[in-house]
Amino acid sequence: MITFEIGFLGLKFSLLRILITIPVFVLIGIIMGRYFKRNNFKINEL
């Protein structure tokens, strides 16, 4: 999929987007993990 993005939008844009989005997703995951751990989030199984 990244090859299509590079083809349509260019290498600079694609690399910049990857360098910005990956740390943002990791940060969101850390924040969500701490939030759910703090609030005793549990999944009810059927």
N, C-alpha and C. Protein backbone atom coordinates (compact mmCIF):
# COMPACT_ATOMS: atom_id res chain seq x y z
N MET A 1 0.82 -1.18 0.00
CA MET A 1 0.00 0.00 0.00
C MET A 1 0.87 1.26 0.00
N ILE A 2 1.98 1.18 0.69
CA ILE A 2 2.88 2.34 0.74
C ILE A 2 3.46 2.62 -0.64
N THR A 3 3.67 1.57 -1.43
CA THR A 3 4.21 1.79 -2.77
C THR A 3 3.23 2.59 -3.63
N PHE A 4 1.92 2.33 -3.49
CA PHE A 4 0.93 3.12 -4.22
C PHE A 4 0.92 4.56 -3.73
N GLU A 5 1.04 4.73 -2.43
CA GLU A 5 1.07 6.09 -1.86
C GLU A 5 2.28 6.86 -2.37
N ILE A 6 3.43 6.21 -2.41
CA ILE A 6 4.63 6.87 -2.93
C ILE A 6 4.43 7.23 -4.40
N GLY A 7 3.80 6.33 -5.14
CA GLY A 7 3.57 6.59 -6.56
C GLY A 7 2.64 7.77 -6.80
N PHE A 8 1.61 7.90 -5.99
CA PHE A 8 0.63 8.97 -6.19
C PHE A 8 1.00 10.27 -5.50
N LEU A 9 1.57 10.19 -4.29
CA LEU A 9 1.80 11.39 -3.49
C LEU A 9 3.26 11.79 -3.36
N GLY A 10 4.15 10.89 -3.69
CA GLY A 10 5.57 11.21 -3.62
C GLY A 10 6.25 10.61 -2.40
N LEU A 11 7.56 10.43 -2.52
CA LEU A 11 8.34 9.81 -1.46
C LEU A 11 8.44 10.68 -0.23
N LYS A 12 8.65 11.98 -0.40
CA LYS A 12 8.80 12.87 0.76
C LYS A 12 7.55 12.88 1.61
N PHE A 13 6.39 13.01 0.97
CA PHE A 13 5.14 13.04 1.73
C PHE A 13 4.92 11.72 2.47
N SER A 14 5.15 10.61 1.79
CA SER A 14 4.91 9.30 2.40
C SER A 14 5.81 9.07 3.61
N LEU A 15 7.08 9.42 3.49
CA LEU A 15 8.01 9.24 4.62
C LEU A 15 7.63 10.16 5.78
N LEU A 16 7.25 11.39 5.47
CA LEU A 16 6.86 12.32 6.52
C LEU A 16 5.61 11.83 7.24
N ARG A 17 4.65 11.31 6.48
CA ARG A 17 3.42 10.79 7.09
C ARG A 17 3.73 9.60 8.00
N ILE A 18 4.58 8.71 7.56
CA ILE A 18 4.94 7.55 8.38
C ILE A 18 5.67 7.98 9.65
N LEU A 19 6.60 8.93 9.52
CA LEU A 19 7.37 9.39 10.68
C LEU A 19 6.48 10.12 11.70
N ILE A 20 5.37 10.67 11.26
CA ILE A 20 4.46 11.36 12.18
C ILE A 20 3.44 10.40 12.76
N THR A 21 2.86 9.52 11.93
CA THR A 21 1.75 8.69 12.39
C THR A 21 2.18 7.57 13.33
N ILE A 22 3.32 6.95 13.10
CA ILE A 22 3.72 5.81 13.96
C ILE A 22 3.91 6.25 15.41
N PRO A 23 4.66 7.31 15.72
CA PRO A 23 4.75 7.72 17.12
C PRO A 23 3.42 8.16 17.72
N VAL A 24 2.56 8.77 16.90
CA VAL A 24 1.24 9.17 17.41
C VAL A 24 0.42 7.95 17.79
N PHE A 25 0.43 6.90 16.96
CA PHE A 25 -0.32 5.68 17.28
C PHE A 25 0.23 5.00 18.52
N VAL A 26 1.55 4.98 18.68
CA VAL A 26 2.15 4.39 19.88
C VAL A 26 1.75 5.18 21.11
N LEU A 27 1.76 6.49 21.03
CA LEU A 27 1.37 7.34 22.15
C LEU A 27 -0.10 7.12 22.51
N ILE A 28 -0.97 7.04 21.52
CA ILE A 28 -2.39 6.77 21.77
C ILE A 28 -2.56 5.42 22.46
N GLY A 29 -1.81 4.42 22.03
CA GLY A 29 -1.88 3.10 22.66
C GLY A 29 -1.45 3.13 24.12
N ILE A 30 -0.39 3.86 24.42
CA ILE A 30 0.07 3.98 25.80
C ILE A 30 -0.97 4.69 26.65
N ILE A 31 -1.52 5.78 26.14
CA ILE A 31 -2.55 6.53 26.89
C ILE A 31 -3.77 5.67 27.14
N MET A 32 -4.24 4.96 26.11
CA MET A 32 -5.42 4.09 26.28
C MET A 32 -5.14 2.97 27.28
N GLY A 33 -3.94 2.40 27.22
CA GLY A 33 -3.60 1.33 28.14
C GLY A 33 -3.62 1.80 29.58
N ARG A 34 -3.08 2.98 29.84
CA ARG A 34 -3.09 3.51 31.21
C ARG A 34 -4.51 3.87 31.65
N TYR A 35 -5.31 4.41 30.73
CA TYR A 35 -6.68 4.79 31.07
C TYR A 35 -7.51 3.57 31.45
N PHE A 36 -7.44 2.52 30.63
CA PHE A 36 -8.24 1.33 30.90
C PHE A 36 -7.73 0.58 32.12
N LYS A 37 -6.43 0.59 32.36
CA LYS A 37 -5.89 -0.06 33.54
C LYS A 37 -6.35 0.66 34.80
N ARG A 38 -6.38 1.97 34.75
CA ARG A 38 -6.78 2.77 35.90
C ARG A 38 -8.26 2.59 36.23
N ASN A 39 -9.09 2.41 35.21
CA ASN A 39 -10.53 2.30 35.41
C ASN A 39 -11.02 0.86 35.50
N ASN A 40 -10.11 -0.08 35.71
CA ASN A 40 -10.46 -1.50 35.84
C ASN A 40 -11.34 -1.99 34.71
N PHE A 41 -10.94 -1.70 33.48
CA PHE A 41 -11.69 -2.10 32.30
C PHE A 41 -11.64 -3.61 32.16
N LYS A 42 -12.82 -4.24 32.04
CA LYS A 42 -12.90 -5.68 31.88
C LYS A 42 -13.84 -6.00 30.72
N ILE A 43 -13.52 -7.05 29.97
CA ILE A 43 -14.36 -7.48 28.88
C ILE A 43 -15.23 -8.63 29.39
N ASN A 44 -16.53 -8.46 29.24
CA ASN A 44 -17.46 -9.51 29.67
C ASN A 44 -17.57 -10.56 28.57
N GLU A 45 -17.23 -11.79 28.90
CA GLU A 45 -17.31 -12.87 27.92
C GLU A 45 -18.69 -13.48 27.98
N LEU A 46 -19.14 -13.98 26.83
CA LEU A 46 -20.48 -14.59 26.75
C LEU A 46 -20.51 -15.95 27.37
